[in-house]
Amino acid sequence: VQLQASGGGLVQAGGSLRPSCSASGRTFWINGMGWFRQVPGKERSFVAAIDSSGRSTRYVDSVKGRFTISREYDENTVYLQMNSLKPEDTAVYYCAEMDGSGPNSPFNLWGQGTQVTVSS
């Protein structure tokens, strides 16, 4: 199984981006999924998660009300809609798969990241 994130980029503060994460190798609908982010010199941190049904989500407090995680089963893809972006959201964003249906199951598989840069 491989997870591939894409859709990052450079945006001004207040703008929006919608990174996506595609899974190949098998269907991933039975497991919860999530997004993490990492800036140089810091540990990777949790951003958002969604359970296998798509009905239950959770977010880190700093993105609540601005970011929305969703999943499209036909496309085997997870999205992170990011609105009202702030310079402090600048990071490499990684998608991850849980070992379980979620939304609180442990994560055990990470994909390649996509860079998000927010200018002030």
N, C-alpha and C. Protein backbone atom coordinates (compact mmCIF):
# COMPACT_ATOMS: atom_id res chain seq x y z
N VAL A 1 0.85 -1.19 0.00
CA VAL A 1 0.00 0.00 0.00
C VAL A 1 0.88 1.24 0.00
N GLN A 2 0.50 2.19 -0.82
CA GLN A 2 1.21 3.46 -0.85
C GLN A 2 0.22 4.60 -0.70
N LEU A 3 0.62 5.60 0.06
CA LEU A 3 -0.16 6.81 0.21
C LEU A 3 0.61 7.95 -0.43
N GLN A 4 -0.05 8.69 -1.29
CA GLN A 4 0.61 9.78 -2.00
C GLN A 4 -0.18 11.05 -1.81
N ALA A 5 0.43 12.03 -1.15
CA ALA A 5 -0.21 13.33 -0.95
C ALA A 5 0.19 14.29 -2.05
N SER A 6 -0.74 15.14 -2.43
CA SER A 6 -0.48 16.17 -3.43
C SER A 6 -1.43 17.32 -3.19
N GLY A 7 -1.23 18.41 -3.94
CA GLY A 7 -2.15 19.52 -3.83
C GLY A 7 -1.71 20.64 -2.92
N GLY A 8 -0.49 20.54 -2.40
CA GLY A 8 0.03 21.65 -1.62
C GLY A 8 0.41 22.79 -2.55
N GLY A 9 1.01 23.83 -1.96
CA GLY A 9 1.43 24.95 -2.80
C GLY A 9 1.69 26.19 -1.98
N LEU A 10 1.80 27.30 -2.68
CA LEU A 10 2.04 28.60 -2.06
C LEU A 10 0.77 29.43 -2.15
N VAL A 11 0.36 29.99 -1.03
CA VAL A 11 -0.86 30.79 -0.99
C VAL A 11 -0.67 31.94 -0.01
N GLN A 12 -1.38 33.01 -0.24
CA GLN A 12 -1.33 34.13 0.69
C GLN A 12 -2.20 33.85 1.90
N ALA A 13 -1.89 34.50 2.98
CA ALA A 13 -2.68 34.37 4.20
C ALA A 13 -4.14 34.70 3.88
N GLY A 14 -5.05 33.89 4.43
CA GLY A 14 -6.46 34.05 4.15
C GLY A 14 -6.95 33.21 3.00
N GLY A 15 -6.03 32.64 2.25
CA GLY A 15 -6.39 31.82 1.10
C GLY A 15 -6.73 30.39 1.48
N SER A 16 -6.94 29.56 0.44
CA SER A 16 -7.36 28.18 0.63
C SER A 16 -6.53 27.23 -0.22
N LEU A 17 -6.41 26.01 0.27
CA LEU A 17 -5.80 24.91 -0.47
C LEU A 17 -6.57 23.65 -0.13
N ARG A 18 -6.47 22.66 -1.01
CA ARG A 18 -7.15 21.39 -0.76
C ARG A 18 -6.23 20.23 -1.12
N PRO A 19 -5.30 19.90 -0.24
CA PRO A 19 -4.45 18.74 -0.51
C PRO A 19 -5.28 17.46 -0.55
N SER A 20 -4.79 16.49 -1.32
CA SER A 20 -5.45 15.20 -1.40
C SER A 20 -4.44 14.09 -1.14
N CYS A 21 -4.95 12.94 -0.79
CA CYS A 21 -4.11 11.77 -0.50
C CYS A 21 -4.75 10.56 -1.15
N SER A 22 -4.05 9.97 -2.08
CA SER A 22 -4.55 8.80 -2.79
C SER A 22 -3.86 7.54 -2.29
N ALA A 23 -4.62 6.49 -2.15
CA ALA A 23 -4.09 5.21 -1.71
C ALA A 23 -4.07 4.23 -2.88
N SER A 24 -2.98 3.57 -3.05
CA SER A 24 -2.87 2.56 -4.10
C SER A 24 -2.46 1.23 -3.48
N GLY A 25 -2.78 0.19 -4.13
CA GLY A 25 -2.40 -1.13 -3.65
C GLY A 25 -3.56 -1.91 -3.09
N ARG A 26 -4.49 -1.23 -2.45
CA ARG A 26 -5.71 -1.86 -1.96
C ARG A 26 -6.68 -0.76 -1.57
N THR A 27 -7.92 -1.12 -1.34
CA THR A 27 -8.88 -0.14 -0.87
C THR A 27 -8.64 0.14 0.61
N PHE A 28 -8.87 1.35 1.01
CA PHE A 28 -8.55 1.74 2.37
C PHE A 28 -9.79 2.12 3.15
N TRP A 29 -10.95 1.74 2.64
CA TRP A 29 -12.18 2.23 3.24
C TRP A 29 -12.44 1.63 4.62
N ILE A 30 -11.74 0.53 4.97
CA ILE A 30 -12.02 -0.09 6.26
C ILE A 30 -11.30 0.60 7.41
N ASN A 31 -10.34 1.46 7.09
CA ASN A 31 -9.55 2.11 8.13
C ASN A 31 -9.78 3.61 8.19
N GLY A 32 -9.57 4.16 9.38
CA GLY A 32 -9.58 5.60 9.51
C GLY A 32 -8.35 6.21 8.86
N MET A 33 -8.44 7.49 8.54
CA MET A 33 -7.36 8.20 7.88
C MET A 33 -7.12 9.53 8.58
N GLY A 34 -5.97 10.10 8.32
CA GLY A 34 -5.69 11.39 8.96
C GLY A 34 -4.63 12.18 8.23
N TRP A 35 -4.43 13.39 8.73
CA TRP A 35 -3.39 14.29 8.24
C TRP A 35 -2.52 14.76 9.40
N PHE A 36 -1.24 14.84 9.13
CA PHE A 36 -0.27 15.38 10.06
C PHE A 36 0.52 16.48 9.35
N ARG A 37 1.27 17.27 10.11
CA ARG A 37 2.14 18.26 9.50
C ARG A 37 3.43 18.37 10.29
N GLN A 38 4.46 18.83 9.60
CA GLN A 38 5.76 18.94 10.22
C GLN A 38 6.51 20.15 9.66
N VAL A 39 7.11 20.91 10.56
CA VAL A 39 7.98 22.02 10.17
C VAL A 39 9.40 21.66 10.56
N PRO A 40 10.40 22.23 9.89
CA PRO A 40 11.79 21.89 10.19
C PRO A 40 12.12 22.10 11.66
N GLY A 41 12.76 21.11 12.24
CA GLY A 41 13.20 21.22 13.62
C GLY A 41 12.15 20.82 14.65
N LYS A 42 10.96 20.46 14.18
CA LYS A 42 9.90 20.07 15.11
C LYS A 42 9.37 18.68 14.75
N GLU A 43 8.74 18.07 15.72
CA GLU A 43 8.15 16.76 15.48
C GLU A 43 6.88 16.89 14.64
N ARG A 44 6.56 15.80 13.97
CA ARG A 44 5.33 15.74 13.21
C ARG A 44 4.15 15.83 14.18
N SER A 45 3.14 16.61 13.84
CA SER A 45 2.01 16.80 14.75
C SER A 45 0.69 16.50 14.04
N PHE A 46 -0.25 16.08 14.83
CA PHE A 46 -1.57 15.71 14.34
C PHE A 46 -2.35 16.94 13.88
N VAL A 47 -3.09 16.77 12.78
CA VAL A 47 -3.94 17.86 12.29
C VAL A 47 -5.41 17.45 12.29
N ALA A 48 -5.73 16.33 11.65
CA ALA A 48 -7.12 15.94 11.51
C ALA A 48 -7.23 14.44 11.26
N ALA A 49 -8.40 13.88 11.60
CA ALA A 49 -8.64 12.46 11.38
C ALA A 49 -10.10 12.24 11.03
N ILE A 50 -10.35 11.15 10.30
CA ILE A 50 -11.70 10.78 9.91
C ILE A 50 -11.82 9.26 10.03
N ASP A 51 -12.98 8.80 10.49
CA ASP A 51 -13.13 7.36 10.66
C ASP A 51 -13.50 6.68 9.35
N SER A 52 -13.63 5.37 9.40
CA SER A 52 -13.86 4.61 8.17
C SER A 52 -15.20 4.93 7.52
N SER A 53 -16.18 5.34 8.33
CA SER A 53 -17.50 5.64 7.78
C SER A 53 -17.57 7.04 7.18
N GLY A 54 -16.62 7.88 7.56
CA GLY A 54 -16.66 9.27 7.11
C GLY A 54 -17.54 10.16 7.95
N ARG A 55 -18.17 9.61 8.98
CA ARG A 55 -19.12 10.38 9.77
C ARG A 55 -18.50 11.01 11.01
N SER A 56 -17.36 10.53 11.44
CA SER A 56 -16.75 11.04 12.66
C SER A 56 -15.39 11.63 12.34
N THR A 57 -15.17 12.86 12.78
CA THR A 57 -13.90 13.53 12.53
C THR A 57 -13.38 14.16 13.82
N ARG A 58 -12.11 14.47 13.85
CA ARG A 58 -11.54 15.23 14.96
C ARG A 58 -10.40 16.08 14.43
N TYR A 59 -10.13 17.18 15.12
CA TYR A 59 -9.14 18.14 14.67
C TYR A 59 -8.32 18.66 15.84
N VAL A 60 -7.11 19.09 15.53
CA VAL A 60 -6.34 19.83 16.52
C VAL A 60 -7.02 21.19 16.69
N ASP A 61 -6.96 21.75 17.88
CA ASP A 61 -7.71 22.98 18.17
C ASP A 61 -7.34 24.12 17.22
N SER A 62 -6.10 24.19 16.82
CA SER A 62 -5.64 25.33 16.02
C SER A 62 -6.25 25.39 14.62
N VAL A 63 -6.85 24.31 14.15
CA VAL A 63 -7.43 24.32 12.80
C VAL A 63 -8.94 24.16 12.80
N LYS A 64 -9.53 23.98 13.96
CA LYS A 64 -10.99 23.82 14.04
C LYS A 64 -11.70 25.04 13.46
N GLY A 65 -12.70 24.76 12.63
CA GLY A 65 -13.43 25.85 11.99
C GLY A 65 -12.80 26.34 10.70
N ARG A 66 -11.56 25.92 10.43
CA ARG A 66 -10.88 26.36 9.21
C ARG A 66 -10.59 25.19 8.27
N PHE A 67 -10.28 24.03 8.82
CA PHE A 67 -9.94 22.85 8.01
C PHE A 67 -11.07 21.83 8.08
N THR A 68 -11.26 21.10 7.00
CA THR A 68 -12.25 20.03 6.94
C THR A 68 -11.64 18.81 6.26
N ILE A 69 -11.68 17.68 6.95
CA ILE A 69 -11.20 16.43 6.37
C ILE A 69 -12.39 15.66 5.81
N SER A 70 -12.20 15.04 4.65
CA SER A 70 -13.26 14.27 4.03
C SER A 70 -12.64 13.14 3.23
N ARG A 71 -13.48 12.20 2.80
CA ARG A 71 -12.96 11.09 2.02
C ARG A 71 -13.94 10.71 0.93
N GLU A 72 -13.42 10.30 -0.20
CA GLU A 72 -14.21 9.85 -1.35
C GLU A 72 -13.85 8.39 -1.60
N TYR A 73 -14.79 7.51 -1.33
CA TYR A 73 -14.50 6.08 -1.41
C TYR A 73 -14.29 5.62 -2.84
N ASP A 74 -15.06 6.16 -3.78
CA ASP A 74 -14.90 5.76 -5.18
C ASP A 74 -13.50 6.09 -5.70
N GLU A 75 -12.94 7.17 -5.15
CA GLU A 75 -11.63 7.61 -5.61
C GLU A 75 -10.50 7.10 -4.73
N ASN A 76 -10.84 6.44 -3.62
CA ASN A 76 -9.81 5.99 -2.67
C ASN A 76 -8.92 7.15 -2.24
N THR A 77 -9.56 8.27 -1.95
CA THR A 77 -8.84 9.51 -1.70
C THR A 77 -9.37 10.21 -0.45
N VAL A 78 -8.48 10.83 0.28
CA VAL A 78 -8.81 11.66 1.43
C VAL A 78 -8.40 13.10 1.11
N TYR A 79 -9.22 14.04 1.50
CA TYR A 79 -8.96 15.46 1.25
C TYR A 79 -8.83 16.22 2.57
N LEU A 80 -8.12 17.33 2.49
CA LEU A 80 -8.05 18.27 3.62
C LEU A 80 -8.32 19.65 3.05
N GLN A 81 -9.53 20.13 3.21
CA GLN A 81 -9.88 21.47 2.78
C GLN A 81 -9.38 22.45 3.82
N MET A 82 -8.49 23.34 3.39
CA MET A 82 -7.88 24.30 4.31
C MET A 82 -8.28 25.70 3.90
N ASN A 83 -9.05 26.36 4.74
CA ASN A 83 -9.50 27.73 4.50
C ASN A 83 -8.89 28.68 5.52
N SER A 84 -8.95 29.95 5.21
CA SER A 84 -8.43 30.99 6.12
C SER A 84 -7.02 30.65 6.60
N LEU A 85 -6.19 30.30 5.67
CA LEU A 85 -4.85 29.85 6.01
C LEU A 85 -4.03 30.97 6.65
N LYS A 86 -3.17 30.56 7.57
CA LYS A 86 -2.31 31.47 8.31
C LYS A 86 -0.85 31.09 8.06
N PRO A 87 0.07 32.05 8.21
CA PRO A 87 1.49 31.69 8.03
C PRO A 87 1.93 30.54 8.92
N GLU A 88 1.36 30.42 10.10
CA GLU A 88 1.75 29.32 10.99
C GLU A 88 1.25 27.96 10.53
N ASP A 89 0.44 27.92 9.49
CA ASP A 89 0.04 26.64 8.89
C ASP A 89 1.09 26.11 7.93
N THR A 90 2.11 26.90 7.65
CA THR A 90 3.17 26.47 6.75
C THR A 90 3.87 25.23 7.30
N ALA A 91 3.92 24.18 6.49
CA ALA A 91 4.51 22.90 6.91
C ALA A 91 4.46 21.92 5.74
N VAL A 92 5.10 20.80 5.93
CA VAL A 92 4.90 19.67 5.03
C VAL A 92 3.75 18.85 5.62
N TYR A 93 2.75 18.59 4.80
CA TYR A 93 1.57 17.87 5.25
C TYR A 93 1.63 16.43 4.77
N TYR A 94 1.38 15.50 5.70
CA TYR A 94 1.43 14.07 5.42
C TYR A 94 0.06 13.45 5.69
N CYS A 95 -0.34 12.53 4.83
CA CYS A 95 -1.52 11.75 5.14
C CYS A 95 -1.08 10.44 5.79
N ALA A 96 -1.99 9.84 6.52
CA ALA A 96 -1.68 8.62 7.25
C ALA A 96 -2.91 7.74 7.36
N GLU A 97 -2.66 6.46 7.49
CA GLU A 97 -3.73 5.48 7.64
C GLU A 97 -3.70 4.89 9.04
N MET A 98 -4.87 4.68 9.60
CA MET A 98 -4.96 4.07 10.93
C MET A 98 -4.96 2.55 10.84
N ASP A 99 -4.62 1.96 11.94
CA ASP A 99 -4.75 0.51 12.10
C ASP A 99 -6.07 0.25 12.83
N GLY A 100 -7.15 0.47 12.12
CA GLY A 100 -8.47 0.34 12.70
C GLY A 100 -9.43 1.32 12.07
N SER A 101 -10.68 1.26 12.49
CA SER A 101 -11.71 2.08 11.85
C SER A 101 -11.72 3.53 12.31
N GLY A 102 -11.03 3.82 13.40
CA GLY A 102 -10.92 5.20 13.87
C GLY A 102 -12.16 5.68 14.57
N PRO A 103 -12.28 7.01 14.90
CA PRO A 103 -11.30 8.03 14.59
C PRO A 103 -10.13 8.13 15.58
N ASN A 104 -10.08 7.26 16.56
CA ASN A 104 -9.00 7.34 17.55
C ASN A 104 -8.04 6.14 17.48
N SER A 105 -8.14 5.34 16.45
CA SER A 105 -7.22 4.22 16.30
C SER A 105 -5.81 4.74 16.04
N PRO A 106 -4.78 3.97 16.36
CA PRO A 106 -3.41 4.42 16.12
C PRO A 106 -3.08 4.45 14.63
N PHE A 107 -2.21 5.36 14.27
CA PHE A 107 -1.76 5.46 12.89
C PHE A 107 -0.56 4.54 12.69
N ASN A 108 -0.53 3.85 11.55
CA ASN A 108 0.59 2.93 11.33
C ASN A 108 1.19 3.02 9.93
N LEU A 109 0.70 3.92 9.11
CA LEU A 109 1.23 4.05 7.76
C LEU A 109 1.18 5.51 7.34
N TRP A 110 2.33 6.04 6.92
CA TRP A 110 2.40 7.44 6.47
C TRP A 110 2.82 7.47 5.00
N GLY A 111 2.32 8.47 4.31
CA GLY A 111 2.71 8.67 2.93
C GLY A 111 3.72 9.78 2.78
N GLN A 112 4.09 10.06 1.55
CA GLN A 112 4.95 11.20 1.27
C GLN A 112 4.19 12.49 1.50
N GLY A 113 4.89 13.52 1.83
CA GLY A 113 4.25 14.77 2.17
C GLY A 113 4.10 15.71 0.99
N THR A 114 3.34 16.77 1.23
CA THR A 114 3.18 17.84 0.26
C THR A 114 3.39 19.17 0.99
N GLN A 115 4.17 20.05 0.39
CA GLN A 115 4.52 21.30 1.04
C GLN A 115 3.40 22.32 0.91
N VAL A 116 3.05 22.92 2.04
CA VAL A 116 2.10 24.03 2.07
C VAL A 116 2.82 25.24 2.64
N THR A 117 2.83 26.32 1.89
CA THR A 117 3.49 27.55 2.33
C THR A 117 2.49 28.68 2.27
N VAL A 118 2.33 29.37 3.41
CA VAL A 118 1.39 30.48 3.51
C VAL A 118 2.19 31.76 3.75
N SER A 119 2.09 32.69 2.84
CA SER A 119 2.83 33.94 2.97
C SER A 119 1.97 34.99 3.67
N SER A 120 2.64 35.86 4.39
CA SER A 120 1.91 36.90 5.14
C SER A 120 1.72 38.15 4.30
